[in-house]
PDB file of N, CA and C in Angstrom:
ATOM      1  N   MET A   1      28.812  45.511 -76.637  1.00  0.00           N
ATOM      2  CA  MET A   1      27.791  44.508 -76.892  1.00  0.00           C
ATOM      3  C   MET A   1      26.546  45.178 -77.441  1.00  0.00           C
ATOM      4  N   GLY A   2      25.892  44.458 -78.308  1.00  0.00           N
ATOM      5  CA  GLY A   2      24.665  44.974 -78.888  1.00  0.00           C
ATOM      6  C   GLY A   2      23.483  44.840 -77.935  1.00  0.00           C
ATOM      7  N   GLU A   3      22.408  45.375 -78.374  1.00  0.00           N
ATOM      8  CA  GLU A   3      21.181  45.343 -77.583  1.00  0.00           C
ATOM      9  C   GLU A   3      20.525  43.969 -77.697  1.00  0.00           C
ATOM     10  N   VAL A   4      20.074  43.434 -76.573  1.00  0.00           N
ATOM     11  CA  VAL A   4      19.382  42.146 -76.551  1.00  0.00           C
ATOM     12  C   VAL A   4      17.905  42.436 -76.340  1.00  0.00           C
ATOM     13  N   ARG A   5      17.100  42.012 -77.291  1.00  0.00           N
ATOM     14  CA  ARG A   5      15.660  42.218 -77.177  1.00  0.00           C
ATOM     15  C   ARG A   5      14.956  40.876 -77.322  1.00  0.00           C
ATOM     16  N   PHE A   6      13.948  40.668 -76.461  1.00  0.00           N
ATOM     17  CA  PHE A   6      13.166  39.447 -76.522  1.00  0.00           C
ATOM     18  C   PHE A   6      11.806  39.686 -75.876  1.00  0.00           C
ATOM     19  N   SER A   7      10.887  38.804 -76.194  1.00  0.00           N
ATOM     20  CA  SER A   7       9.568  38.804 -75.560  1.00  0.00           C
ATOM     21  C   SER A   7       9.470  37.565 -74.698  1.00  0.00           C
ATOM     22  N   GLN A   8       8.641  37.641 -73.675  1.00  0.00           N
ATOM     23  CA  GLN A   8       8.520  36.526 -72.737  1.00  0.00           C
ATOM     24  C   GLN A   8       7.067  36.385 -72.298  1.00  0.00           C
ATOM     25  N   ALA A   9       6.603  35.141 -72.270  1.00  0.00           N
ATOM     26  CA  ALA A   9       5.282  34.813 -71.715  1.00  0.00           C
ATOM     27  C   ALA A   9       5.503  33.756 -70.650  1.00  0.00           C
ATOM     28  N   GLU A  10       4.850  33.921 -69.501  1.00  0.00           N
ATOM     29  CA  GLU A  10       5.059  32.982 -68.394  1.00  0.00           C
ATOM     30  C   GLU A  10       3.741  32.660 -67.722  1.00  0.00           C
ATOM     31  N   ALA A  11       3.607  31.406 -67.329  1.00  0.00           N
ATOM     32  CA  ALA A  11       2.426  30.961 -66.578  1.00  0.00           C
ATOM     33  C   ALA A  11       2.905  30.116 -65.407  1.00  0.00           C
ATOM     34  N   ASP A  12       2.300  30.348 -64.258  1.00  0.00           N
ATOM     35  CA  ASP A  12       2.646  29.641 -63.033  1.00  0.00           C
ATOM     36  C   ASP A  12       1.422  28.829 -62.605  1.00  0.00           C
ATOM     37  N   TYR A  13       1.599  27.542 -62.397  1.00  0.00           N
ATOM     38  CA  TYR A  13       0.484  26.660 -62.054  1.00  0.00           C
ATOM     39  C   TYR A  13       0.680  26.129 -60.637  1.00  0.00           C
ATOM     40  N   ARG A  14      -0.260  26.496 -59.747  1.00  0.00           N
ATOM     41  CA  ARG A  14      -0.226  26.078 -58.348  1.00  0.00           C
ATOM     42  C   ARG A  14      -1.649  25.737 -57.905  1.00  0.00           C
ATOM     43  N   VAL A  15      -1.730  24.912 -56.878  1.00  0.00           N
ATOM     44  CA  VAL A  15      -3.029  24.615 -56.291  1.00  0.00           C
ATOM     45  C   VAL A  15      -3.500  25.836 -55.502  1.00  0.00           C
ATOM     46  N   ASN A  16      -2.590  26.463 -54.745  1.00  0.00           N
ATOM     47  CA  ASN A  16      -2.880  27.693 -54.021  1.00  0.00           C
ATOM     48  C   ASN A  16      -1.577  28.460 -53.802  1.00  0.00           C
ATOM     49  N   ASP A  17      -1.656  29.680 -53.268  1.00  0.00           N
ATOM     50  CA  ASP A  17      -0.466  30.526 -53.113  1.00  0.00           C
ATOM     51  C   ASP A  17       0.582  29.948 -52.175  1.00  0.00           C
ATOM     52  N   GLU A  18       0.170  29.124 -51.246  1.00  0.00           N
ATOM     53  CA  GLU A  18       1.101  28.561 -50.268  1.00  0.00           C
ATOM     54  C   GLU A  18       1.641  27.200 -50.681  1.00  0.00           C
ATOM     55  N   ASP A  19       1.155  26.685 -51.774  1.00  0.00           N
ATOM     56  CA  ASP A  19       1.532  25.349 -52.226  1.00  0.00           C
ATOM     57  C   ASP A  19       2.977  25.318 -52.703  1.00  0.00           C
ATOM     58  N   GLU A  20       3.714  24.334 -52.257  1.00  0.00           N
ATOM     59  CA  GLU A  20       5.109  24.177 -52.677  1.00  0.00           C
ATOM     60  C   GLU A  20       5.240  23.150 -53.798  1.00  0.00           C
ATOM     61  N   ILE A  21       4.124  22.805 -54.393  1.00  0.00           N
ATOM     62  CA  ILE A  21       4.101  21.918 -55.548  1.00  0.00           C
ATOM     63  C   ILE A  21       3.564  22.751 -56.707  1.00  0.00           C
ATOM     64  N   TYR A  22       4.416  22.986 -57.698  1.00  0.00           N
ATOM     65  CA  TYR A  22       3.989  23.857 -58.784  1.00  0.00           C
ATOM     66  C   TYR A  22       4.821  23.637 -60.043  1.00  0.00           C
ATOM     67  N   ALA A  23       4.333  24.240 -61.110  1.00  0.00           N
ATOM     68  CA  ALA A  23       5.048  24.223 -62.392  1.00  0.00           C
ATOM     69  C   ALA A  23       5.000  25.624 -62.975  1.00  0.00           C
ATOM     70  N   THR A  24       6.082  26.020 -63.594  1.00  0.00           N
ATOM     71  CA  THR A  24       6.161  27.311 -64.281  1.00  0.00           C
ATOM     72  C   THR A  24       6.599  27.050 -65.717  1.00  0.00           C
ATOM     73  N   VAL A  25       5.849  27.614 -66.657  1.00  0.00           N
ATOM     74  CA  VAL A  25       6.164  27.483 -68.076  1.00  0.00           C
ATOM     75  C   VAL A  25       6.486  28.873 -68.610  1.00  0.00           C
ATOM     76  N   THR A  26       7.659  29.011 -69.225  1.00  0.00           N
ATOM     77  CA  THR A  26       8.078  30.287 -69.790  1.00  0.00           C
ATOM     78  C   THR A  26       8.476  30.068 -71.250  1.00  0.00           C
ATOM     79  N   ILE A  27       7.983  30.936 -72.118  1.00  0.00           N
ATOM     80  CA  ILE A  27       8.361  30.904 -73.528  1.00  0.00           C
ATOM     81  C   ILE A  27       9.043  32.236 -73.843  1.00  0.00           C
ATOM     82  N   PHE A  28      10.275  32.146 -74.296  1.00  0.00           N
ATOM     83  CA  PHE A  28      11.048  33.316 -74.697  1.00  0.00           C
ATOM     84  C   PHE A  28      11.078  33.368 -76.218  1.00  0.00           C
ATOM     85  N   ASP A  29      10.871  34.546 -76.783  1.00  0.00           N
ATOM     86  CA  ASP A  29      10.940  34.753 -78.225  1.00  0.00           C
ATOM     87  C   ASP A  29      12.098  35.700 -78.505  1.00  0.00           C
ATOM     88  N   TYR A  30      13.143  35.167 -79.131  1.00  0.00           N
ATOM     89  CA  TYR A  30      14.332  35.944 -79.442  1.00  0.00           C
ATOM     90  C   TYR A  30      14.365  36.355 -80.910  1.00  0.00           C
ATOM     91  N   GLY A  31      13.195  36.491 -81.520  1.00  0.00           N
ATOM     92  CA  GLY A  31      13.128  36.856 -82.932  1.00  0.00           C
ATOM     93  C   GLY A  31      13.796  38.184 -83.246  1.00  0.00           C
ATOM     94  N   ALA A  32      13.823  39.111 -82.283  1.00  0.00           N
ATOM     95  CA  ALA A  32      14.444  40.421 -82.503  1.00  0.00           C
ATOM     96  C   ALA A  32      15.961  40.388 -82.289  1.00  0.00           C
ATOM     97  N   THR A  33      16.463  39.262 -81.787  1.00  0.00           N
ATOM     98  CA  THR A  33      17.907  39.117 -81.544  1.00  0.00           C
ATOM     99  C   THR A  33      18.362  37.776 -82.123  1.00  0.00           C
ATOM    100  N   PRO A  34      18.483  37.685 -83.448  1.00  0.00           N
ATOM    101  CA  PRO A  34      18.878  36.413 -84.070  1.00  0.00           C
ATOM    102  C   PRO A  34      20.204  35.898 -83.512  1.00  0.00           C
ATOM    103  N   GLY A  35      20.271  34.603 -83.331  1.00  0.00           N
ATOM    104  CA  GLY A  35      21.486  33.961 -82.838  1.00  0.00           C
ATOM    105  C   GLY A  35      21.588  33.884 -81.324  1.00  0.00           C
ATOM    106  N   MET A  36      20.718  34.572 -80.620  1.00  0.00           N
ATOM    107  CA  MET A  36      20.794  34.591 -79.159  1.00  0.00           C
ATOM    108  C   MET A  36      20.488  33.219 -78.560  1.00  0.00           C
ATOM    109  N   VAL A  37      19.527  32.508 -79.114  1.00  0.00           N
ATOM    110  CA  VAL A  37      19.139  31.202 -78.568  1.00  0.00           C
ATOM    111  C   VAL A  37      20.312  30.232 -78.612  1.00  0.00           C
ATOM    112  N   GLU A  38      21.071  30.257 -79.693  1.00  0.00           N
ATOM    113  CA  GLU A  38      22.203  29.340 -79.807  1.00  0.00           C
ATOM    114  C   GLU A  38      23.210  29.560 -78.672  1.00  0.00           C
ATOM    115  N   GLY A  39      23.406  30.809 -78.278  1.00  0.00           N
ATOM    116  CA  GLY A  39      24.312  31.098 -77.174  1.00  0.00           C
ATOM    117  C   GLY A  39      23.758  30.639 -75.832  1.00  0.00           C
ATOM    118  N   LEU A  40      22.459  30.804 -75.651  1.00  0.00           N
ATOM    119  CA  LEU A  40      21.830  30.398 -74.393  1.00  0.00           C
ATOM    120  C   LEU A  40      21.701  28.888 -74.284  1.00  0.00           C
ATOM    121  N   ALA A  41      21.510  28.245 -75.416  1.00  0.00           N
ATOM    122  CA  ALA A  41      21.332  26.786 -75.433  1.00  0.00           C
ATOM    123  C   ALA A  41      22.591  26.133 -75.990  1.00  0.00           C
ATOM    124  N   PHE A  42      23.716  26.464 -75.394  1.00  0.00           N
ATOM    125  CA  PHE A  42      25.015  25.935 -75.832  1.00  0.00           C
ATOM    126  C   PHE A  42      25.043  24.410 -75.837  1.00  0.00           C
ATOM    127  N   TRP A  43      24.218  23.800 -75.011  1.00  0.00           N
ATOM    128  CA  TRP A  43      24.150  22.349 -74.867  1.00  0.00           C
ATOM    129  C   TRP A  43      23.452  21.682 -76.055  1.00  0.00           C
ATOM    130  N   ALA A  44      22.786  22.445 -76.911  1.00  0.00           N
ATOM    131  CA  ALA A  44      21.963  21.881 -77.983  1.00  0.00           C
ATOM    132  C   ALA A  44      22.752  21.018 -78.962  1.00  0.00           C
ATOM    133  N   ASN A  45      24.028  21.275 -79.114  1.00  0.00           N
ATOM    134  CA  ASN A  45      24.851  20.514 -80.061  1.00  0.00           C
ATOM    135  C   ASN A  45      25.788  19.538 -79.375  1.00  0.00           C
ATOM    136  N   THR A  46      25.488  19.207 -78.135  1.00  0.00           N
ATOM    137  CA  THR A  46      26.304  18.237 -77.408  1.00  0.00           C
ATOM    138  C   THR A  46      25.416  17.111 -76.910  1.00  0.00           C
ATOM    139  N   GLU A  47      26.048  16.030 -76.534  1.00  0.00           N
ATOM    140  CA  GLU A  47      25.304  14.908 -75.963  1.00  0.00           C
ATOM    141  C   GLU A  47      25.657  14.812 -74.484  1.00  0.00           C
ATOM    142  N   ILE A  48      24.645  14.962 -73.653  1.00  0.00           N
ATOM    143  CA  ILE A  48      24.814  14.872 -72.200  1.00  0.00           C
ATOM    144  C   ILE A  48      23.890  13.774 -71.710  1.00  0.00           C
ATOM    145  N   ASP A  49      24.406  12.877 -70.903  1.00  0.00           N
ATOM    146  CA  ASP A  49      23.596  11.812 -70.323  1.00  0.00           C
ATOM    147  C   ASP A  49      24.217  11.411 -68.986  1.00  0.00           C
ATOM    148  N   ASN A  50      23.888  12.163 -67.959  1.00  0.00           N
ATOM    149  CA  ASN A  50      24.394  11.910 -66.611  1.00  0.00           C
ATOM    150  C   ASN A  50      23.242  11.457 -65.725  1.00  0.00           C
ATOM    151  N   GLU A  51      23.413  10.316 -65.087  1.00  0.00           N
ATOM    152  CA  GLU A  51      22.375   9.818 -64.193  1.00  0.00           C
ATOM    153  C   GLU A  51      23.035   9.219 -62.965  1.00  0.00           C
ATOM    154  N   GLY A  52      22.439   9.503 -61.817  1.00  0.00           N
ATOM    155  CA  GLY A  52      22.955   8.967 -60.569  1.00  0.00           C
ATOM    156  C   GLY A  52      21.836   8.867 -59.552  1.00  0.00           C
ATOM    157  N   ASP A  53      22.200   8.562 -58.323  1.00  0.00           N
ATOM    158  CA  ASP A  53      21.200   8.431 -57.265  1.00  0.00           C
ATOM    159  C   ASP A  53      20.474   9.748 -56.992  1.00  0.00           C
ATOM    160  N   ASP A  54      21.155  10.874 -57.249  1.00  0.00           N
ATOM    161  CA  ASP A  54      20.570  12.188 -56.963  1.00  0.00           C
ATOM    162  C   ASP A  54      19.582  12.643 -58.040  1.00  0.00           C
ATOM    163  N   GLY A  55      19.716  12.111 -59.254  1.00  0.00           N
ATOM    164  CA  GLY A  55      18.847  12.536 -60.341  1.00  0.00           C
ATOM    165  C   GLY A  55      19.535  12.358 -61.674  1.00  0.00           C
ATOM    166  N   TYR A  56      19.151  13.181 -62.643  1.00  0.00           N
ATOM    167  CA  TYR A  56      19.738  13.055 -63.973  1.00  0.00           C
ATOM    168  C   TYR A  56      19.765  14.390 -64.697  1.00  0.00           C
ATOM    169  N   GLN A  57      20.571  14.431 -65.735  1.00  0.00           N
ATOM    170  CA  GLN A  57      20.648  15.548 -66.657  1.00  0.00           C
ATOM    171  C   GLN A  57      20.973  14.947 -68.020  1.00  0.00           C
ATOM    172  N   LYS A  58      20.166  15.312 -69.032  1.00  0.00           N
ATOM    173  CA  LYS A  58      20.398  14.729 -70.350  1.00  0.00           C
ATOM    174  C   LYS A  58      19.895  15.657 -71.451  1.00  0.00           C
ATOM    175  N   THR A  59      20.542  15.555 -72.600  1.00  0.00           N
ATOM    176  CA  THR A  59      20.045  16.223 -73.790  1.00  0.00           C
ATOM    177  C   THR A  59      19.253  15.188 -74.588  1.00  0.00           C
ATOM    178  N   LEU A  60      18.279  15.676 -75.337  1.00  0.00           N
ATOM    179  CA  LEU A  60      17.443  14.786 -76.131  1.00  0.00           C
ATOM    180  C   LEU A  60      16.784  15.564 -77.254  1.00  0.00           C
ATOM    181  N   LYS A  61      16.132  14.867 -78.129  1.00  0.00           N
ATOM    182  CA  LYS A  61      15.362  15.485 -79.209  1.00  0.00           C
ATOM    183  C   LYS A  61      13.889  15.228 -78.928  1.00  0.00           C
ATOM    184  N   ILE A  62      13.094  16.277 -79.047  1.00  0.00           N
ATOM    185  CA  ILE A  62      11.649  16.164 -78.885  1.00  0.00           C
ATOM    186  C   ILE A  62      11.026  16.820 -80.107  1.00  0.00           C
ATOM    187  N   GLY A  63      10.336  16.031 -80.902  1.00  0.00           N
ATOM    188  CA  GLY A  63       9.744  16.561 -82.128  1.00  0.00           C
ATOM    189  C   GLY A  63      10.775  17.170 -83.059  1.00  0.00           C
ATOM    190  N   GLY A  64      11.992  16.648 -83.044  1.00  0.00           N
ATOM    191  CA  GLY A  64      13.058  17.157 -83.890  1.00  0.00           C
ATOM    192  C   GLY A  64      13.778  18.371 -83.319  1.00  0.00           C
ATOM    193  N   HIS A  65      13.379  18.820 -82.126  1.00  0.00           N
ATOM    194  CA  HIS A  65      13.982  19.990 -81.490  1.00  0.00           C
ATOM    195  C   HIS A  65      14.929  19.563 -80.377  1.00  0.00           C
ATOM    196  N   SER A  66      16.009  20.312 -80.212  1.00  0.00           N
ATOM    197  CA  SER A  66      16.968  20.039 -79.142  1.00  0.00           C
ATOM    198  C   SER A  66      16.368  20.413 -77.794  1.00  0.00           C
ATOM    199  N   ALA A  67      16.605  19.541 -76.816  1.00  0.00           N
ATOM    200  CA  ALA A  67      16.076  19.775 -75.475  1.00  0.00           C
ATOM    201  C   ALA A  67      17.088  19.329 -74.429  1.00  0.00           C
ATOM    202  N   MET A  68      16.961  19.902 -73.245  1.00  0.00           N
ATOM    203  CA  MET A  68      17.775  19.522 -72.094  1.00  0.00           C
ATOM    204  C   MET A  68      16.801  19.296 -70.937  1.00  0.00           C
ATOM    205  N   GLU A  69      16.950  18.136 -70.300  1.00  0.00           N
ATOM    206  CA  GLU A  69      16.075  17.792 -69.172  1.00  0.00           C
ATOM    207  C   GLU A  69      16.940  17.450 -67.964  1.00  0.00           C
ATOM    208  N   SER A  70      16.555  17.961 -66.813  1.00  0.00           N
ATOM    209  CA  SER A  70      17.246  17.613 -65.571  1.00  0.00           C
ATOM    210  C   SER A  70      16.213  17.424 -64.471  1.00  0.00           C
ATOM    211  N   TYR A  71      16.564  16.578 -63.506  1.00  0.00           N
ATOM    212  CA  TYR A  71      15.643  16.277 -62.418  1.00  0.00           C
ATOM    213  C   TYR A  71      16.442  15.895 -61.177  1.00  0.00           C
ATOM    214  N   GLU A  72      16.024  16.429 -60.032  1.00  0.00           N
ATOM    215  CA  GLU A  72      16.638  16.113 -58.745  1.00  0.00           C
ATOM    216  C   GLU A  72      15.668  15.254 -57.948  1.00  0.00           C
ATOM    217  N   ASN A  73      16.070  14.032 -57.646  1.00  0.00           N
ATOM    218  CA  ASN A  73      15.173  13.078 -57.008  1.00  0.00           C
ATOM    219  C   ASN A  73      14.680  13.518 -55.626  1.00  0.00           C
ATOM    220  N   GLU A  74      15.582  13.978 -54.763  1.00  0.00           N
ATOM    221  CA  GLU A  74      15.191  14.300 -53.390  1.00  0.00           C
ATOM    222  C   GLU A  74      14.223  15.476 -53.316  1.00  0.00           C
ATOM    223  N   SER A  75      14.533  16.551 -54.006  1.00  0.00           N
ATOM    224  CA  SER A  75      13.681  17.750 -53.965  1.00  0.00           C
ATOM    225  C   SER A  75      12.514  17.676 -54.946  1.00  0.00           C
ATOM    226  N   LYS A  76      12.595  16.743 -55.875  1.00  0.00           N
ATOM    227  CA  LYS A  76      11.606  16.616 -56.944  1.00  0.00           C
ATOM    228  C   LYS A  76      11.521  17.886 -57.792  1.00  0.00           C
ATOM    229  N   ASN A  77      12.682  18.512 -58.017  1.00  0.00           N
ATOM    230  CA  ASN A  77      12.768  19.687 -58.892  1.00  0.00           C
ATOM    231  C   ASN A  77      13.187  19.237 -60.274  1.00  0.00           C
ATOM    232  N   GLY A  78      12.473  19.728 -61.280  1.00  0.00           N
ATOM    233  CA  GLY A  78      12.795  19.362 -62.649  1.00  0.00           C
ATOM    234  C   GLY A  78      12.803  20.563 -63.566  1.00  0.00           C
ATOM    235  N   THR A  79      13.563  20.444 -64.640  1.00  0.00           N
ATOM    236  CA  THR A  79      13.613  21.488 -65.660  1.00  0.00           C
ATOM    237  C   THR A  79      13.689  20.826 -67.026  1.00  0.00           C
ATOM    238  N   LEU A  80      12.908  21.350 -67.947  1.00  0.00           N
ATOM    239  CA  LEU A  80      12.962  20.931 -69.345  1.00  0.00           C
ATOM    240  C   LEU A  80      13.040  22.193 -70.183  1.00  0.00           C
ATOM    241  N   THR A  81      14.077  22.282 -71.006  1.00  0.00           N
ATOM    242  CA  THR A  81      14.258  23.435 -71.882  1.00  0.00           C
ATOM    243  C   THR A  81      14.318  22.930 -73.312  1.00  0.00           C
ATOM    244  N   LEU A  82      13.574  23.590 -74.189  1.00  0.00           N
ATOM    245  CA  LEU A  82      13.471  23.166 -75.584  1.00  0.00           C
ATOM    246  C   LEU A  82      13.710  24.368 -76.494  1.00  0.00           C
ATOM    247  N   VAL A  83      14.476  24.165 -77.557  1.00  0.00           N
ATOM    248  CA  VAL A  83      14.744  25.200 -78.544  1.00  0.00           C
ATOM    249  C   VAL A  83      13.885  24.925 -79.771  1.00  0.00           C
ATOM    250  N   VAL A  84      13.144  25.937 -80.231  1.00  0.00           N
ATOM    251  CA  VAL A  84      12.310  25.789 -81.422  1.00  0.00           C
ATOM    252  C   VAL A  84      12.860  26.695 -82.519  1.00  0.00           C
ATOM    253  N   ASN A  85      13.441  26.061 -83.528  1.00  0.00           N
ATOM    254  CA  ASN A  85      13.923  26.723 -84.746  1.00  0.00           C
ATOM    255  C   ASN A  85      14.840  27.921 -84.487  1.00  0.00           C
ATOM    256  N   GLY A  86      15.639  27.868 -83.452  1.00  0.00           N
ATOM    257  CA  GLY A  86      16.601  28.926 -83.183  1.00  0.00           C
ATOM    258  C   GLY A  86      16.004  30.249 -82.770  1.00  0.00           C
ATOM    259  N   ARG A  87      14.704  30.290 -82.549  1.00  0.00           N
ATOM    260  CA  ARG A  87      14.044  31.545 -82.177  1.00  0.00           C
ATOM    261  C   ARG A  87      13.402  31.485 -80.797  1.00  0.00           C
ATOM    262  N   PHE A  88      12.719  30.400 -80.504  1.00  0.00           N
ATOM    263  CA  PHE A  88      11.990  30.275 -79.245  1.00  0.00           C
ATOM    264  C   PHE A  88      12.734  29.361 -78.280  1.00  0.00           C
ATOM    265  N   LEU A  89      12.691  29.713 -77.020  1.00  0.00           N
ATOM    266  CA  LEU A  89      13.246  28.901 -75.951  1.00  0.00           C
ATOM    267  C   LEU A  89      12.107  28.663 -74.965  1.00  0.00           C
ATOM    268  N   ILE A  90      11.723  27.408 -74.811  1.00  0.00           N
ATOM    269  CA  ILE A  90      10.658  27.038 -73.878  1.00  0.00           C
ATOM    270  C   ILE A  90      11.320  26.454 -72.647  1.00  0.00           C
ATOM    271  N   ASN A  91      10.945  26.973 -71.484  1.00  0.00           N
ATOM    272  CA  ASN A  91      11.518  26.492 -70.234  1.00  0.00           C
ATOM    273  C   ASN A  91      10.384  26.080 -69.297  1.00  0.00           C
ATOM    274  N   ILE A  92      10.437  24.846 -68.817  1.00  0.00           N
ATOM    275  CA  ILE A  92       9.442  24.328 -67.884  1.00  0.00           C
ATOM    276  C   ILE A  92      10.174  23.936 -66.605  1.00  0.00           C
ATOM    277  N   ASP A  93       9.774  24.542 -65.499  1.00  0.00           N
ATOM    278  CA  ASP A  93      10.345  24.228 -64.183  1.00  0.00           C
ATOM    279  C   ASP A  93       9.251  23.649 -63.310  1.00  0.00           C
ATOM    280  N   THR A  94       9.573  22.569 -62.596  1.00  0.00           N
ATOM    281  CA  THR A  94       8.610  21.971 -61.679  1.00  0.00           C
ATOM    282  C   THR A  94       9.252  21.799 -60.304  1.00  0.00           C
ATOM    283  N   THR A  95       8.432  21.866 -59.295  1.00  0.00           N
ATOM    284  CA  THR A  95       8.872  21.625 -57.920  1.00  0.00           C
ATOM    285  C   THR A  95       7.861  20.705 -57.254  1.00  0.00           C
ATOM    286  N   GLY A  96       8.375  19.625 -56.671  1.00  0.00           N
ATOM    287  CA  GLY A  96       7.516  18.690 -55.960  1.00  0.00           C
ATOM    288  C   GLY A  96       6.693  17.787 -56.848  1.00  0.00           C
ATOM    289  N   LEU A  97       7.073  17.667 -58.106  1.00  0.00           N
ATOM    290  CA  LEU A  97       6.300  16.877 -59.059  1.00  0.00           C
ATOM    291  C   LEU A  97       7.154  15.791 -59.706  1.00  0.00           C
ATOM    292  N   ASP A  98       6.489  14.763 -60.192  1.00  0.00           N
ATOM    293  CA  ASP A  98       7.118  13.667 -60.915  1.00  0.00           C
ATOM    294  C   ASP A  98       7.720  14.203 -62.216  1.00  0.00           C
ATOM    295  N   PRO A  99       8.831  13.637 -62.681  1.00  0.00           N
ATOM    296  CA  PRO A  99       9.430  14.135 -63.925  1.00  0.00           C
ATOM    297  C   PRO A  99       8.531  13.977 -65.150  1.00  0.00           C
ATOM    298  N   LYS A 100       7.549  13.118 -65.101  1.00  0.00           N
ATOM    299  CA  LYS A 100       6.621  12.951 -66.228  1.00  0.00           C
ATOM    300  C   LYS A 100       5.850  14.237 -66.509  1.00  0.00           C
ATOM    301  N   VAL A 101       5.703  15.081 -65.489  1.00  0.00           N
ATOM    302  CA  VAL A 101       4.969  16.335 -65.645  1.00  0.00           C
ATOM    303  C   VAL A 101       5.686  17.273 -66.610  1.00  0.00           C
ATOM    304  N   LEU A 102       7.020  17.189 -66.678  1.00  0.00           N
ATOM    305  CA  LEU A 102       7.781  18.044 -67.592  1.00  0.00           C
ATOM    306  C   LEU A 102       7.328  17.844 -69.031  1.00  0.00           C
ATOM    307  N   LYS A 103       7.295  16.596 -69.464  1.00  0.00           N
ATOM    308  CA  LYS A 103       6.894  16.315 -70.847  1.00  0.00           C
ATOM    309  C   LYS A 103       5.399  16.533 -71.045  1.00  0.00           C
ATOM    310  N   ALA A 104       4.595  16.260 -70.030  1.00  0.00           N
ATOM    311  CA  ALA A 104       3.156  16.497 -70.140  1.00  0.00           C
ATOM    312  C   ALA A 104       2.884  17.994 -70.325  1.00  0.00           C
ATOM    313  N   ALA A 105       3.615  18.829 -69.600  1.00  0.00           N
ATOM    314  CA  ALA A 105       3.455  20.279 -69.758  1.00  0.00           C
ATOM    315  C   ALA A 105       3.873  20.711 -71.156  1.00  0.00           C
ATOM    316  N   LEU A 106       4.944  20.150 -71.664  1.00  0.00           N
ATOM    317  CA  LEU A 106       5.406  20.491 -73.008  1.00  0.00           C
ATOM    318  C   LEU A 106       4.379  20.081 -74.056  1.00  0.00           C
ATOM    319  N   GLU A 107       3.728  18.956 -73.866  1.00  0.00           N
ATOM    320  CA  GLU A 107       2.716  18.487 -74.819  1.00  0.00           C
ATOM    321  C   GLU A 107       1.530  19.438 -74.913  1.00  0.00           C
ATOM    322  N   SER A 108       1.333  20.274 -73.892  1.00  0.00           N
ATOM    323  CA  SER A 108       0.215  21.216 -73.921  1.00  0.00           C
ATOM    324  C   SER A 108       0.531  22.474 -74.743  1.00  0.00           C
ATOM    325  N   ILE A 109       1.775  22.597 -75.206  1.00  0.00           N
ATOM    326  CA  ILE A 109       2.199  23.758 -75.992  1.00  0.00           C
ATOM    327  C   ILE A 109       2.144  23.399 -77.473  1.00  0.00           C
ATOM    328  N   ASP A 110       1.584  24.269 -78.273  1.00  0.00           N
ATOM    329  CA  ASP A 110       1.450  24.044 -79.709  1.00  0.00           C
ATOM    330  C   ASP A 110       2.788  24.361 -80.402  1.00  0.00           C
ATOM    331  N   LEU A 111       3.657  23.353 -80.468  1.00  0.00           N
ATOM    332  CA  LEU A 111       4.972  23.543 -81.087  1.00  0.00           C
ATOM    333  C   LEU A 111       4.863  23.852 -82.573  1.00  0.00           C
ATOM    334  N   LYS A 112       3.870  23.301 -83.232  1.00  0.00           N
ATOM    335  CA  LYS A 112       3.693  23.549 -84.675  1.00  0.00           C
ATOM    336  C   LYS A 112       3.433  25.032 -84.927  1.00  0.00           C
ATOM    337  N   ALA A 113       2.655  25.671 -84.044  1.00  0.00           N
ATOM    338  CA  ALA A 113       2.387  27.105 -84.200  1.00  0.00           C
ATOM    339  C   ALA A 113       3.670  27.912 -84.006  1.00  0.00           C
ATOM    340  N   LEU A 114       4.500  27.532 -83.041  1.00  0.00           N
ATOM    341  CA  LEU A 114       5.767  28.225 -82.839  1.00  0.00           C
ATOM    342  C   LEU A 114       6.705  28.007 -84.024  1.00  0.00           C
ATOM    343  N   GLU A 115       6.709  26.786 -84.590  1.00  0.00           N
ATOM    344  CA  GLU A 115       7.534  26.516 -85.760  1.00  0.00           C
ATOM    345  C   GLU A 115       7.133  27.430 -86.923  1.00  0.00           C
ATOM    346  N   LYS A 116       5.829  27.624 -87.127  1.00  0.00           N
ATOM    347  CA  LYS A 116       5.356  28.489 -88.197  1.00  0.00           C
ATOM    348  C   LYS A 116       5.793  29.932 -87.971  1.00  0.00           C
ATOM    349  N   LEU A 117       5.696  30.398 -86.728  1.00  0.00           N
ATOM    350  CA  LEU A 117       6.119  31.774 -86.412  1.00  0.00           C
ATOM    351  C   LEU A 117       7.611  31.959 -86.636  1.00  0.00           C
ATOM    352  N   ALA A 118       8.377  30.923 -86.329  1.00  0.00           N
ATOM    353  CA  ALA A 118       9.831  31.018 -86.478  1.00  0.00           C
ATOM    354  C   ALA A 118      10.258  31.012 -87.938  1.00  0.00           C
ATOM    355  N   GLY A 119       9.364  30.501 -88.786  1.00  0.00           N
ATOM    356  CA  GLY A 119       9.642  30.501 -90.222  1.00  0.00           C
ATOM    357  C   GLY A 119      10.573  29.490 -90.690  1.00  0.00           C
TER     358      GLY A 119
END
């Protein structure tokens, strides 16, 4: 196997260190390893729409980009992963928060700037 190289930026948002309600935003840049995002985001070319009493998991398009969103109702754990132009992978994880926070967190990221970097 070849060498896998990537850059990562992460931010953790909490009220305090002991708080069990938080969000983590991670942006991975796989520009040095072309094609890696497609392998990690295998779901990007499929349609998933599962919903039940426990929560949901679905693929969707956000701003023309493939995304996967999942949420567990009881624990209030959510994840939103978005692929930007085959180079960037944005991952948002929340605990103890409403699922609306996933998309609100994504809206705070300048996707247009990432699109320009991806070329």
